[in-house]
């Protein structure tokens, strides 16, 4: 029984290095996703403004 408790304690402590190893990668991936989302939003808004001005110009 003592060995099982020791194994459980080791397993419960083993997740911390894994979290520390991948948290930086996950943070970088999320930041990259947010920057990409922002850039696409800016691009789409620019295209929309250009299209609206072209429609206004042709409607004259």
C-alpha atoms as a PDB file:
ATOM      1  CA  UNK A   1       0.000   0.000   0.000  1.00  0.00           C
ATOM      2  CA  UNK A   2       2.882   2.353   0.785  1.00  0.00           C
ATOM      3  CA  UNK A   3       4.259   1.977  -2.729  1.00  0.00           C
ATOM      4  CA  UNK A   4       0.930   2.935  -4.327  1.00  0.00           C
ATOM      5  CA  UNK A   5       0.712   6.123  -2.253  1.00  0.00           C
ATOM      6  CA  UNK A   6       4.269   7.065  -3.241  1.00  0.00           C
ATOM      7  CA  UNK A   7       3.446   6.463  -6.901  1.00  0.00           C
ATOM      8  CA  UNK A   8       0.347   8.647  -6.620  1.00  0.00           C
ATOM      9  CA  UNK A   9       2.368  11.439  -5.031  1.00  0.00           C
ATOM     10  CA  UNK A  10       4.971  11.225  -7.814  1.00  0.00           C
ATOM     11  CA  UNK A  11       2.257  11.311 -10.476  1.00  0.00           C
ATOM     12  CA  UNK A  12       0.584  14.310  -8.873  1.00  0.00           C
ATOM     13  CA  UNK A  13       3.909  16.174  -8.865  1.00  0.00           C
ATOM     14  CA  UNK A  14       4.781  15.170 -12.440  1.00  0.00           C
ATOM     15  CA  UNK A  15       2.213  17.471 -14.089  1.00  0.00           C
ATOM     16  CA  UNK A  16       3.987  20.681 -13.026  1.00  0.00           C
ATOM     17  CA  UNK A  17       7.026  20.313 -15.336  1.00  0.00           C
ATOM     18  CA  UNK A  18       4.708  19.464 -18.225  1.00  0.00           C
ATOM     19  CA  UNK A  19       2.584  22.554 -17.598  1.00  0.00           C
ATOM     20  CA  UNK A  20       5.671  24.753 -17.301  1.00  0.00           C
ATOM     21  CA  UNK A  21       7.118  23.305 -20.507  1.00  0.00           C
ATOM     22  CA  UNK A  22       4.024  23.831 -22.648  1.00  0.00           C
ATOM     23  CA  UNK A  23       2.601  27.009 -21.108  1.00  0.00           C
ATOM     24  CA  UNK A  24       5.094  29.187 -23.007  1.00  0.00           C
ATOM     25  CA  UNK A  25       4.282  27.477 -26.283  1.00  0.00           C
ATOM     26  CA  UNK A  26       0.556  27.767 -25.640  1.00  0.00           C
ATOM     27  CA  UNK A  27       0.876  31.452 -24.746  1.00  0.00           C
ATOM     28  CA  UNK A  28       2.854  32.143 -27.910  1.00  0.00           C
ATOM     29  CA  UNK A  29       0.266  30.275 -30.001  1.00  0.00           C
ATOM     30  CA  UNK A  30      -2.592  32.267 -28.462  1.00  0.00           C
ATOM     31  CA  UNK A  31      -0.779  35.578 -28.994  1.00  0.00           C
ATOM     32  CA  UNK A  32      -0.098  34.621 -32.615  1.00  0.00           C
ATOM     33  CA  UNK A  33      -3.754  33.702 -33.080  1.00  0.00           C
ATOM     34  CA  UNK A  34      -4.948  37.007 -31.637  1.00  0.00           C
ATOM     35  CA  UNK A  35      -2.534  39.055 -33.762  1.00  0.00           C
ATOM     36  CA  UNK A  36      -3.604  37.155 -36.884  1.00  0.00           C
ATOM     37  CA  UNK A  37      -7.263  37.645 -36.033  1.00  0.00           C
ATOM     38  CA  UNK A  38      -6.666  41.393 -35.522  1.00  0.00           C
ATOM     39  CA  UNK A  39      -4.757  41.691 -38.816  1.00  0.00           C
ATOM     40  CA  UNK A  40      -7.486  39.899 -40.755  1.00  0.00           C
ATOM     41  CA  UNK A  41     -10.115  42.118 -39.141  1.00  0.00           C
ATOM     42  CA  UNK A  42      -8.170  45.254 -40.134  1.00  0.00           C
ATOM     43  CA  UNK A  43      -7.715  43.959 -43.678  1.00  0.00           C
ATOM     44  CA  UNK A  44     -11.405  43.115 -44.037  1.00  0.00           C
ATOM     45  CA  UNK A  45     -12.429  46.525 -42.708  1.00  0.00           C
ATOM     46  CA  UNK A  46     -10.073  48.213 -45.162  1.00  0.00           C
ATOM     47  CA  UNK A  47     -11.488  46.189 -48.055  1.00  0.00           C
ATOM     48  CA  UNK A  48     -15.034  47.011 -46.901  1.00  0.00           C
ATOM     49  CA  UNK A  49     -14.273  50.752 -46.756  1.00  0.00           C
ATOM     50  CA  UNK A  50     -12.686  50.616 -50.210  1.00  0.00           C
ATOM     51  CA  UNK A  51     -15.693  48.759 -51.629  1.00  0.00           C
ATOM     52  CA  UNK A  52     -18.123  51.248 -50.074  1.00  0.00           C
ATOM     53  CA  UNK A  53     -16.218  54.209 -51.520  1.00  0.00           C
ATOM     54  CA  UNK A  54     -16.168  52.542 -54.942  1.00  0.00           C
ATOM     55  CA  UNK A  55     -19.942  52.051 -54.784  1.00  0.00           C
ATOM     56  CA  UNK A  56     -20.439  55.688 -53.771  1.00  0.00           C
ATOM     57  CA  UNK A  57     -18.191  56.821 -56.628  1.00  0.00           C
ATOM     58  CA  UNK A  58     -20.062  54.750 -59.234  1.00  0.00           C
ATOM     59  CA  UNK A  59     -23.472  55.861 -57.913  1.00  0.00           C
ATOM     60  CA  UNK A  60     -22.780  59.488 -58.827  1.00  0.00           C
END
